[in-house]
Protein backbone atom coordinates (compact mmCIF):
# COMPACT_ATOMS: atom_id res chain seq x y z
CA MET A 1 -33.45 11.41 5.80
CA SER A 2 -35.03 14.77 6.56
CA ILE A 3 -34.73 16.00 2.97
CA GLU A 4 -36.91 13.15 1.72
CA ASN A 5 -39.99 14.16 3.67
CA SER A 6 -39.66 17.93 3.30
CA GLU A 7 -41.26 19.96 0.53
CA LEU A 8 -38.55 22.35 -0.59
CA THR A 9 -38.72 24.77 -3.50
CA LYS A 10 -36.36 24.36 -6.44
CA GLU A 11 -34.33 27.35 -5.23
CA GLU A 12 -34.02 25.87 -1.73
CA LEU A 13 -32.96 22.50 -3.17
CA GLU A 14 -30.34 24.18 -5.36
CA ARG A 15 -28.90 26.03 -2.34
CA LEU A 16 -28.87 22.78 -0.39
CA LEU A 17 -27.21 21.06 -3.35
CA GLU A 18 -24.30 23.54 -3.28
CA GLN A 19 -23.81 22.96 0.45
CA LYS A 20 -23.93 19.16 0.06
CA LEU A 21 -21.42 19.26 -2.81
CA LYS A 22 -18.99 21.15 -0.54
CA ASN A 23 -19.59 18.71 2.34
CA VAL A 24 -19.01 15.68 0.12
CA SER A 25 -15.85 17.24 -1.34
CA GLU A 26 -14.44 17.87 2.16
CA LEU A 27 -15.34 14.40 3.48
CA GLU A 28 -13.91 12.71 0.40
CA LYS A 29 -10.43 13.87 1.47
CA GLU A 30 -10.77 11.72 4.59
CA GLY A 31 -11.78 8.62 2.64
CA ILE A 32 -15.03 6.76 1.98
CA ASP A 33 -16.58 6.07 5.38
CA SER A 34 -20.12 6.06 6.82
CA ASN A 35 -20.22 9.87 7.20
CA TYR A 36 -19.17 10.34 3.58
CA VAL A 37 -21.75 7.82 2.33
CA GLN A 38 -24.53 9.49 4.36
CA GLU A 39 -23.71 12.88 2.83
CA LEU A 40 -23.41 11.32 -0.63
CA ALA A 41 -26.83 9.69 -0.24
CA ASP A 42 -28.31 13.07 0.80
CA LEU A 43 -26.67 14.66 -2.23
CA ALA A 44 -28.00 11.93 -4.54
CA LEU A 45 -31.53 12.43 -3.20
CA ILE A 46 -31.39 16.19 -3.85
CA GLN A 47 -30.08 15.52 -7.36
CA MET A 48 -32.95 13.10 -7.99
CA GLN A 49 -35.47 15.70 -6.79
CA LEU A 50 -33.88 18.22 -9.17
CA GLU A 51 -34.13 15.61 -11.97
CA GLN A 52 -30.34 15.38 -12.27
CA TYR A 53 -30.75 11.66 -12.75
CA SER A 54 -27.34 10.73 -14.13
CA GLN A 55 -25.46 12.40 -11.26
CA SER A 56 -27.89 10.96 -8.72
CA GLU A 57 -27.53 7.44 -10.16
CA GLU A 58 -23.73 7.66 -10.12
CA ASN A 59 -23.68 8.70 -6.44
CA TYR A 60 -26.20 6.08 -5.36
CA LEU A 61 -24.12 3.37 -7.06
CA VAL A 62 -21.10 4.49 -5.00
CA CYS A 63 -23.27 4.13 -1.87
CA LEU A 64 -24.38 0.67 -3.00
CA THR A 65 -20.78 -0.48 -3.55
CA TYR A 66 -19.89 0.74 -0.05
CA PHE A 67 -22.77 -1.13 1.60
CA LYS A 68 -21.89 -4.30 -0.31
CA LYS A 69 -18.28 -4.10 0.91
CA GLN A 70 -19.54 -3.56 4.46
CA LYS A 71 -21.99 -6.49 4.04
CA ASP A 72 -24.72 -4.12 5.21
CA ARG A 73 -27.85 -5.85 3.86
CA LEU A 74 -30.34 -3.16 4.97
CA GLY A 75 -28.14 -0.43 3.48
CA GLN A 76 -27.99 -2.33 0.18
CA ALA A 77 -31.76 -2.85 0.13
CA ALA A 78 -32.47 0.81 0.89
CA VAL A 79 -30.20 2.03 -1.92
CA CYS A 80 -31.61 -0.55 -4.36
CA GLY A 81 -35.11 0.70 -3.52
CA VAL A 82 -34.16 4.32 -4.18
CA LEU A 83 -32.40 3.39 -7.42
CA ALA A 84 -35.54 1.52 -8.48
CA THR A 85 -37.53 4.72 -7.87
CA LEU A 86 -34.97 6.73 -9.85
CA TYR A 87 -35.17 4.35 -12.83
CA LEU A 88 -38.97 4.49 -12.70
CA LYS A 89 -38.75 8.29 -12.92
CA LYS A 90 -36.40 7.88 -15.91
CA ASN A 91 -38.89 5.48 -17.56
CA ALA A 92 -36.23 2.74 -17.40
CA PHE A 93 -38.92 0.32 -16.26
CA GLN A 94 -37.06 -2.99 -16.68
CA LYS A 95 -34.07 -1.69 -14.75
CA SER A 96 -36.40 -0.39 -12.04
CA ILE A 97 -37.93 -3.87 -11.73
CA GLU A 98 -34.45 -5.43 -11.34
CA PHE A 99 -33.52 -3.12 -8.47
CA TYR A 100 -36.92 -3.44 -6.76
CA ARG A 101 -36.55 -7.23 -7.01
CA GLU A 102 -33.04 -7.10 -5.51
CA ALA A 103 -34.33 -4.95 -2.63
CA PHE A 104 -37.35 -7.24 -2.18
CA ASN A 105 -35.17 -10.35 -1.91
CA ILE A 106 -33.12 -8.80 0.89
CA TYR A 107 -36.20 -7.53 2.74
CA HIS A 108 -37.79 -10.97 2.37
CA GLN A 109 -34.75 -12.65 3.91
CA LEU A 110 -34.74 -10.11 6.77
CA ASN A 111 -38.53 -10.39 7.23
CA GLN A 112 -39.13 -6.64 6.64
CA VAL A 113 -42.82 -6.80 5.66
CA GLN A 114 -43.66 -3.16 4.88
CA GLU A 115 -40.58 -2.83 2.71
CA GLN A 116 -41.52 -6.02 0.81
CA ILE A 117 -44.95 -4.53 0.10
CA THR A 118 -43.42 -1.26 -1.16
CA CYS A 119 -41.10 -3.18 -3.52
CA LEU A 120 -43.88 -5.37 -4.92
CA LYS A 121 -46.10 -2.34 -5.54
CA GLY A 122 -43.20 -0.71 -7.38
CA ILE A 123 -42.60 -3.84 -9.49
CA GLY A 124 -46.32 -4.06 -10.31
CA ASN A 125 -46.48 -0.41 -11.39
CA ASN A 126 -43.46 -0.93 -13.66
CA TYR A 127 -45.13 -3.93 -15.30
CA ILE A 128 -48.23 -1.80 -15.94
CA LYS A 129 -46.01 0.83 -17.59
CA LEU A 130 -44.50 -1.94 -19.75
CA HIS A 131 -48.04 -3.17 -20.59
CA LYS A 132 -47.15 -6.59 -19.12
CA LEU A 133 -50.52 -6.91 -17.45
CA ASP A 134 -50.26 -10.63 -16.57
CA ASP A 135 -46.98 -10.01 -14.74
CA ALA A 136 -48.47 -6.94 -13.06
CA CYS A 137 -51.52 -8.95 -11.98
CA ASN A 138 -49.37 -11.74 -10.50
CA THR A 139 -47.23 -9.20 -8.63
CA PHE A 140 -50.21 -7.38 -7.12
CA LEU A 141 -51.79 -10.72 -6.16
CA GLU A 142 -48.55 -11.66 -4.36
CA CYS A 143 -48.56 -8.27 -2.66
CA SER A 144 -52.24 -8.62 -1.70
CA ALA A 145 -51.51 -11.95 -0.01
CA ILE A 146 -48.76 -10.36 2.12
CA CYS A 147 -51.06 -7.43 2.98
CA SER A 148 -53.86 -9.82 4.01
CA ASP A 149 -51.52 -11.98 6.11
CA ASN A 150 -50.33 -8.87 7.96
CA ASN A 151 -53.72 -7.11 8.17
CA ASP A 152 -52.44 -4.14 6.17
CA ILE A 153 -55.80 -2.91 4.87
CA TYR A 154 -54.59 0.32 3.26
CA ASN A 155 -51.93 -1.33 1.12
CA LEU A 156 -54.39 -4.15 0.36
CA LEU A 157 -56.83 -1.57 -0.99
CA ASP A 158 -54.04 -0.07 -3.09
CA CYS A 159 -53.27 -3.51 -4.57
CA LEU A 160 -56.96 -4.20 -5.20
CA GLY A 161 -57.25 -0.83 -6.95
CA ASN A 162 -54.43 -1.78 -9.30
CA LEU A 163 -55.91 -5.24 -9.92
CA ILE A 164 -59.26 -3.64 -10.73
CA TYR A 165 -57.54 -1.28 -13.17
CA ILE A 166 -55.78 -4.21 -14.90
CA HIS A 167 -58.94 -6.29 -15.27
CA GLU A 168 -61.02 -3.29 -16.38
CA ILE A 169 -58.60 -2.86 -19.30
CA SER A 170 -59.24 -6.51 -20.21
CA GLU A 171 -63.00 -6.05 -19.55
CA GLU A 172 -63.02 -9.09 -17.27
CA TRP A 173 -66.07 -7.89 -15.39
CA ASP A 174 -66.62 -11.04 -13.31
CA ILE A 175 -63.14 -10.66 -11.81
CA VAL A 176 -63.60 -6.91 -11.34
CA PHE A 177 -66.89 -7.58 -9.54
CA GLU A 178 -65.18 -9.96 -7.07
CA LEU A 179 -62.37 -7.46 -6.52
CA PHE A 180 -64.89 -4.71 -5.72
CA LYS A 181 -66.50 -7.05 -3.19
CA LYS A 182 -63.08 -7.49 -1.54
CA SER A 183 -62.61 -3.71 -1.57
CA LEU A 184 -66.03 -3.28 0.04
CA LYS A 185 -65.08 -5.68 2.83
CA ALA A 186 -61.77 -3.85 3.39
CA PHE A 187 -63.43 -0.41 3.50
CA LYS A 188 -65.95 -1.74 6.02
CA GLU A 189 -63.11 -3.00 8.23
CA ILE A 190 -61.58 0.48 8.45
CA ASN A 191 -64.99 2.24 8.69
CA ASP A 192 -64.33 4.25 5.53
CA ALA A 193 -67.84 5.36 4.59
CA LYS A 194 -66.78 6.99 1.30
CA GLY A 195 -64.93 3.84 0.29
CA VAL A 196 -67.97 1.70 1.15
CA ILE A 197 -70.28 4.01 -0.84
CA THR A 198 -67.96 3.96 -3.87
CA SER A 199 -67.66 0.16 -3.70
CA TYR A 200 -71.45 -0.27 -3.66
CA PHE A 201 -71.79 2.14 -6.58
CA ASN A 202 -69.09 0.28 -8.54
CA LEU A 203 -70.80 -3.06 -7.88
CA GLY A 204 -74.03 -1.53 -9.15
CA ILE A 205 -72.33 -0.20 -12.28
CA ILE A 206 -70.97 -3.66 -13.12
CA GLU A 207 -74.39 -5.24 -12.57
CA LYS A 208 -75.84 -2.59 -14.89
CA LYS A 209 -73.19 -3.47 -17.51
CA ARG A 210 -74.26 -7.11 -17.17
CA LYS A 211 -77.93 -5.99 -17.50
CA ASN A 212 -78.74 -7.28 -14.00
CA PHE A 213 -80.75 -4.14 -13.30
CA GLU A 214 -82.57 -5.36 -10.17
CA GLU A 215 -79.22 -6.20 -8.57
CA ALA A 216 -77.85 -2.85 -9.74
CA VAL A 217 -80.74 -1.07 -8.00
CA ARG A 218 -80.00 -3.01 -4.81
CA PHE A 219 -76.32 -2.01 -4.75
CA PHE A 220 -77.04 1.60 -5.72
CA LYS A 221 -79.63 1.89 -2.93
CA LYS A 222 -77.18 0.46 -0.37
CA GLY A 223 -74.57 3.03 -1.35
CA THR A 224 -77.12 5.85 -1.34
CA ASN A 225 -78.43 4.92 2.12
CA ILE A 226 -74.92 5.05 3.57
CA ALA A 227 -74.37 8.40 1.83
CA ILE A 228 -77.58 9.68 3.47
CA ASP A 229 -76.50 8.38 6.90
CA SER A 230 -73.07 10.00 6.43
CA ASN A 231 -74.55 13.22 4.98
CA TYR A 232 -72.34 13.09 1.87
CA VAL A 233 -74.55 15.25 -0.32
CA GLU A 234 -72.74 14.77 -3.64
CA SER A 235 -72.78 11.00 -3.15
CA ILE A 236 -76.51 11.16 -2.36
CA ILE A 237 -77.15 12.96 -5.67
CA LYS A 238 -75.00 10.46 -7.55
CA GLY A 239 -76.67 7.49 -5.85
CA LEU A 240 -80.22 8.70 -6.52
CA SER A 241 -79.26 9.25 -10.16
CA TYR A 242 -77.83 5.71 -10.41
CA VAL A 243 -80.98 4.23 -8.84
CA GLY A 244 -83.16 6.24 -11.23
CA GLU A 245 -81.24 5.09 -14.31
CA ALA A 246 -81.41 1.42 -13.29
CA LEU A 247 -85.14 1.68 -12.56
CA PHE A 248 -85.67 3.27 -15.96
CA TYR A 249 -84.01 0.30 -17.71
CA ILE A 250 -86.45 -2.14 -16.08
CA GLY A 251 -89.46 -0.06 -17.06
CA ARG A 252 -90.23 1.44 -13.63
CA LYS A 253 -90.33 4.94 -15.09
CA HIS A 254 -92.51 6.53 -12.41
CA GLU A 255 -90.08 5.41 -9.69
CA ALA A 256 -87.14 6.55 -11.84
CA LYS A 257 -88.74 9.99 -12.17
CA ASP A 258 -89.09 10.25 -8.36
CA GLN A 259 -85.41 9.41 -7.87
CA PHE A 260 -84.29 11.98 -10.43
CA LEU A 261 -86.52 14.66 -8.86
CA LYS A 262 -85.14 13.96 -5.37
CA ALA A 263 -81.62 14.24 -6.77
CA LEU A 264 -82.45 17.46 -8.65
CA HIS A 265 -84.02 18.98 -5.52
CA ILE A 266 -80.80 18.36 -3.57
CA ALA A 267 -78.62 19.51 -6.48
CA ASN A 268 -80.57 22.79 -6.65
CA ASN A 269 -80.09 23.32 -2.91
CA ILE A 270 -76.30 23.06 -3.18
CA ASN A 271 -76.12 24.68 -6.64
CA ALA A 272 -74.44 21.65 -8.24
CA GLU A 273 -74.70 22.94 -11.81
CA ASN A 274 -73.43 19.89 -13.71
CA ALA A 275 -75.73 17.56 -11.80
CA MET A 276 -78.66 19.96 -12.32
CA ILE A 277 -78.13 19.98 -16.10
CA GLN A 278 -77.76 16.18 -16.33
CA LEU A 279 -80.83 15.51 -14.17
CA ARG A 280 -83.00 17.93 -16.17
CA VAL A 281 -81.96 16.12 -19.36
CA LEU A 282 -82.88 12.77 -17.78
CA LEU A 283 -86.26 14.08 -16.66
CA GLN A 284 -86.91 15.54 -20.11
CA SER A 285 -86.10 12.14 -21.61
CA LEU A 286 -88.97 10.80 -19.47
CA GLY A 287 -91.28 13.30 -21.17
CA LEU A 288 -91.39 16.07 -18.55
CA SER A 289 -91.39 19.69 -19.74
CA ASP A 290 -89.50 22.43 -17.87
CA SER A 291 -92.73 23.68 -16.29
CA GLU A 292 -93.66 20.15 -15.17
CA ILE A 293 -90.22 19.69 -13.64
CA LEU A 294 -90.65 22.99 -11.78
CA ASN A 295 -94.07 21.95 -10.47
CA GLU A 296 -92.72 18.57 -9.34
CA LEU A 297 -89.86 20.29 -7.51
CA ARG A 298 -92.34 22.59 -5.73
CA ASN A 299 -94.20 19.49 -4.58
CA GLN A 300 -90.91 18.05 -3.32
CA GLU A 301 -90.39 21.13 -1.15
CA LYS A 302 -93.74 20.58 0.59
CA PHE A 303 -92.55 17.33 2.14
């Protein structure tokens, strides 16, 4: 449906709505057939985009009844999926789950893999909204298995992101750590340097939470080295700061100071004000005065 993928203004949608209402009214005189249902579905989509949810729901249900009479399984599944989206927008989360599940069952029977993944992600997001985190977790695990079996890395990463979010809420750091390792592997498979860097940093943060500072340093350095190779300057600053903080916690204050100074030198060069302020505070906490920091930075520039 062309309307679905286009970004129209509210005024354009309202003009299109008027035209579709006329079309539907004219076609209705000839009876409910495939042309009428196509126009009605277009109308329902515009109404949903304009947040006219009741009218949209009513029209989609007419489409669903038609497809059921025609025994058109794919048509039924498609309408159920859109209705599930509509109910999610209305915050009718349980009803959204029911329609996603109905669509999923049809897609499963017809072996439509991408559509199954979309439905499961929708069900999982509804469970999160309902604060049913165990159900959400089970749904995203089911979805992850389908993604893995079909080598769908991007949707797998999306599922892993949701699983990480769920377990972070529960502060189950061992599980989160393993999920970040899976994310790291997936990012490596698609050569996503930023994803790899972020995964290493997240692994380091969890190790720091668990007070495994040596391991934290190792992960932070891995992420920083990839940031350097990829020339992602902001990630380099962040990574050097992470390394410095972890070194500080294990008493290697001189090395921590060097990391903070390297990060501050780069931050100054790109005028990253927030990073500059934070790094100066960290250096001051190590006992350096403003003049000492300035002298150290001048020494950095010599190399």
